[in-house]
Protein backbone atom coordinates (compact mmCIF):
# COMPACT_ATOMS: atom_id res chain seq x y z
CA MET A 1 -46.16 3.78 11.72
CA ALA A 2 -44.19 5.39 8.72
CA GLN A 3 -40.40 6.29 9.75
CA GLN A 4 -39.26 9.94 9.34
CA ASN A 5 -36.56 10.71 6.73
CA VAL A 6 -33.11 10.72 7.60
CA TYR A 7 -32.22 13.83 6.09
CA ASP A 8 -35.29 15.55 7.84
CA ARG A 9 -34.12 14.48 11.14
CA LEU A 10 -30.38 15.29 10.47
CA LYS A 11 -31.76 18.85 9.78
CA GLU A 12 -33.76 18.76 12.74
CA LEU A 13 -30.48 18.18 14.89
CA GLY A 14 -28.47 20.85 13.03
CA ILE A 15 -26.47 18.50 11.59
CA GLU A 16 -25.01 18.57 8.18
CA LEU A 17 -23.07 16.10 6.67
CA PRO A 18 -19.00 16.98 6.08
CA SER A 19 -16.87 16.18 3.09
CA VAL A 20 -16.14 12.32 3.37
CA SER A 21 -12.38 11.42 4.09
CA ALA A 22 -9.83 9.93 2.10
CA PRO A 23 -8.14 6.49 3.70
CA ALA A 24 -4.70 7.44 5.33
CA ALA A 25 -3.47 4.37 4.11
CA ALA A 26 -3.85 0.93 2.06
CA TYR A 27 -7.87 0.44 2.70
CA VAL A 28 -11.11 1.82 1.79
CA MET A 29 -13.32 4.09 3.81
CA SER A 30 -16.20 1.31 3.60
CA ALA A 31 -17.05 -2.32 1.94
CA GLN A 32 -20.17 -4.28 1.31
CA THR A 33 -21.03 -7.77 1.36
CA GLY A 34 -24.47 -8.90 0.56
CA ASN A 35 -26.89 -6.22 2.86
CA THR A 36 -24.17 -5.66 5.16
CA ILE A 37 -21.85 -2.40 4.94
CA TYR A 38 -18.71 -2.28 7.09
CA LEU A 39 -17.56 1.05 7.69
CA SER A 40 -14.13 1.54 8.32
CA GLY A 41 -12.47 3.44 11.50
CA HIS A 42 -12.95 7.04 11.69
CA ILE A 43 -10.70 9.04 13.82
CA ALA A 44 -11.81 11.82 16.09
CA LYS A 45 -11.15 15.61 14.37
CA LYS A 46 -11.26 19.07 15.97
CA ASP A 47 -11.78 21.76 13.58
CA GLY A 48 -10.69 19.95 10.66
CA THR A 49 -7.78 18.34 12.19
CA VAL A 50 -7.16 15.11 14.42
CA TRP A 51 -8.03 15.74 17.86
CA VAL A 52 -5.22 14.40 19.68
CA GLY A 53 -5.54 13.59 23.13
CA LYS A 54 -6.09 10.73 26.28
CA LEU A 55 -8.86 9.96 28.31
CA GLY A 56 -8.23 10.39 32.08
CA ALA A 57 -4.81 12.81 31.39
CA THR A 58 -5.49 15.70 28.56
CA LEU A 59 -9.42 14.95 27.64
CA THR A 60 -12.43 14.37 30.34
CA THR A 61 -15.16 12.22 29.52
CA GLU A 62 -17.38 14.83 28.31
CA GLU A 63 -14.90 15.85 25.55
CA GLY A 64 -14.46 12.37 24.82
CA ARG A 65 -18.56 11.56 24.68
CA VAL A 66 -18.37 15.03 21.87
CA ALA A 67 -15.47 13.37 19.87
CA ALA A 68 -17.32 10.38 19.72
CA HIS A 69 -21.13 12.26 18.55
CA SER A 70 -18.49 13.94 15.89
CA ILE A 71 -17.16 10.94 14.51
CA ALA A 72 -20.47 9.47 14.40
CA ILE A 73 -21.35 12.17 11.94
CA ASP A 74 -18.00 11.76 9.79
CA LEU A 75 -19.51 7.95 9.95
CA LEU A 76 -22.74 8.49 8.18
CA ALA A 77 -21.18 10.89 5.58
CA THR A 78 -19.27 7.97 4.58
CA LEU A 79 -22.43 5.47 4.87
CA HIS A 80 -24.04 8.18 2.79
CA ALA A 81 -21.20 8.13 0.17
CA HIS A 82 -21.29 4.63 -0.27
CA VAL A 83 -25.00 4.01 -0.33
CA GLY A 84 -26.67 7.28 -1.54
CA ASP A 85 -29.71 7.39 0.73
CA LEU A 86 -29.31 7.00 4.14
CA ASN A 87 -33.05 5.95 4.08
CA ARG A 88 -32.20 2.57 3.04
CA VAL A 89 -30.51 1.68 6.21
CA THR A 90 -32.51 -1.21 7.80
CA ARG A 91 -29.99 -1.42 10.66
CA ILE A 92 -27.14 -0.16 12.40
CA VAL A 93 -25.97 -3.45 13.81
CA LYS A 94 -22.63 -2.78 15.73
CA VAL A 95 -20.33 -0.21 16.61
CA MET A 96 -16.88 -0.51 17.60
CA SER A 97 -15.24 2.13 19.76
CA LEU A 98 -11.40 2.64 20.93
CA VAL A 99 -10.83 5.20 23.14
CA ASN A 100 -6.97 6.51 23.92
CA SER A 101 -7.23 6.19 27.70
CA THR A 102 -4.89 5.93 30.75
CA PRO A 103 -4.73 2.67 32.19
CA ASP A 104 -6.76 3.60 35.13
CA PHE A 105 -9.66 5.21 33.08
CA ILE A 106 -13.42 3.66 33.35
CA GLU A 107 -15.78 4.97 31.49
CA GLN A 108 -15.24 4.01 27.77
CA HIS A 109 -18.71 3.50 27.53
CA LEU A 110 -19.76 6.78 28.35
CA VAL A 111 -17.20 8.41 25.87
CA THR A 112 -19.09 5.77 22.92
CA ASN A 113 -22.70 6.98 23.90
CA GLY A 114 -22.07 10.47 22.19
CA ALA A 115 -22.03 8.21 19.16
CA SER A 116 -24.82 5.81 20.03
CA GLN A 117 -27.03 8.42 20.73
CA LEU A 118 -26.81 10.32 17.95
CA LEU A 119 -27.25 7.39 15.99
CA ALA A 120 -30.52 6.32 18.01
CA ASP A 121 -31.39 10.20 17.33
CA VAL A 122 -31.13 10.09 13.83
CA PHE A 123 -32.56 6.14 13.51
CA GLY A 124 -34.70 5.73 16.16
CA GLU A 125 -35.21 1.95 16.36
CA ARG A 126 -33.35 1.08 13.82
CA GLY A 127 -30.37 2.84 15.42
CA LYS A 128 -30.00 1.05 18.22
CA HIS A 129 -27.23 -1.31 17.94
CA ALA A 130 -24.68 -3.75 19.26
CA ARG A 131 -21.32 -2.23 20.89
CA SER A 132 -18.35 -2.69 22.15
CA ALA A 133 -16.36 -0.08 23.69
CA PHE A 134 -12.39 -0.39 24.40
CA GLY A 135 -9.45 1.60 26.36
CA VAL A 136 -6.30 1.37 24.05
CA ALA A 137 -2.98 2.67 24.75
CA GLN A 138 -2.70 4.71 21.53
CA ILE A 139 -4.82 5.30 18.37
CA PRO A 140 -3.21 6.22 15.12
CA LEU A 141 -1.87 9.97 14.76
CA GLY A 142 -2.52 10.48 18.54
CA ALA A 143 -6.29 10.55 18.04
CA CYS A 144 -8.26 10.35 21.38
CA VAL A 145 -11.28 8.26 19.88
CA GLU A 146 -11.48 6.01 16.98
CA ILE A 147 -15.11 4.31 15.99
CA GLU A 148 -15.72 1.58 13.26
CA MET A 149 -19.66 0.47 12.35
CA ASN A 150 -21.25 -2.01 10.63
CA VAL A 151 -24.91 -1.03 9.22
CA GLU A 152 -27.72 -3.17 7.37
CA VAL A 153 -29.09 -1.98 4.43
CA ASP A 154 -32.27 -2.96 2.33
CA GLY A 155 -31.49 -4.54 -0.94
């Protein structure tokens, strides 16, 4: 069975890739070695600014899931800028999510599902990945969620 064109799938989902953000410090947004691309952590944004908040205090699990979903879109924009064609993706290998949360918040995995589900929706089997989701005391600029991703592309 032929794989669906990623850009057709994004259009079906009503997703338009945004402009890629510049790094906020001394790093690059993506780096590649061999067929593996490492995407730097992307923080949640809402209405073009940092989405500040702490899960379990000022934000709900559902708001965190929406934030993670929006980060996945930003990650795809960075990946597109790096490879030029998202159809070259052979596998989303690993997603790591940091959730700015209170010590008693235990739904980091549900927050991260916002990104994981989008990747599966866009790439199908190629989008199913290994994953880690951590609760942390703080994220740069007070962002509620930060996600990084490792991707394999064809040669």
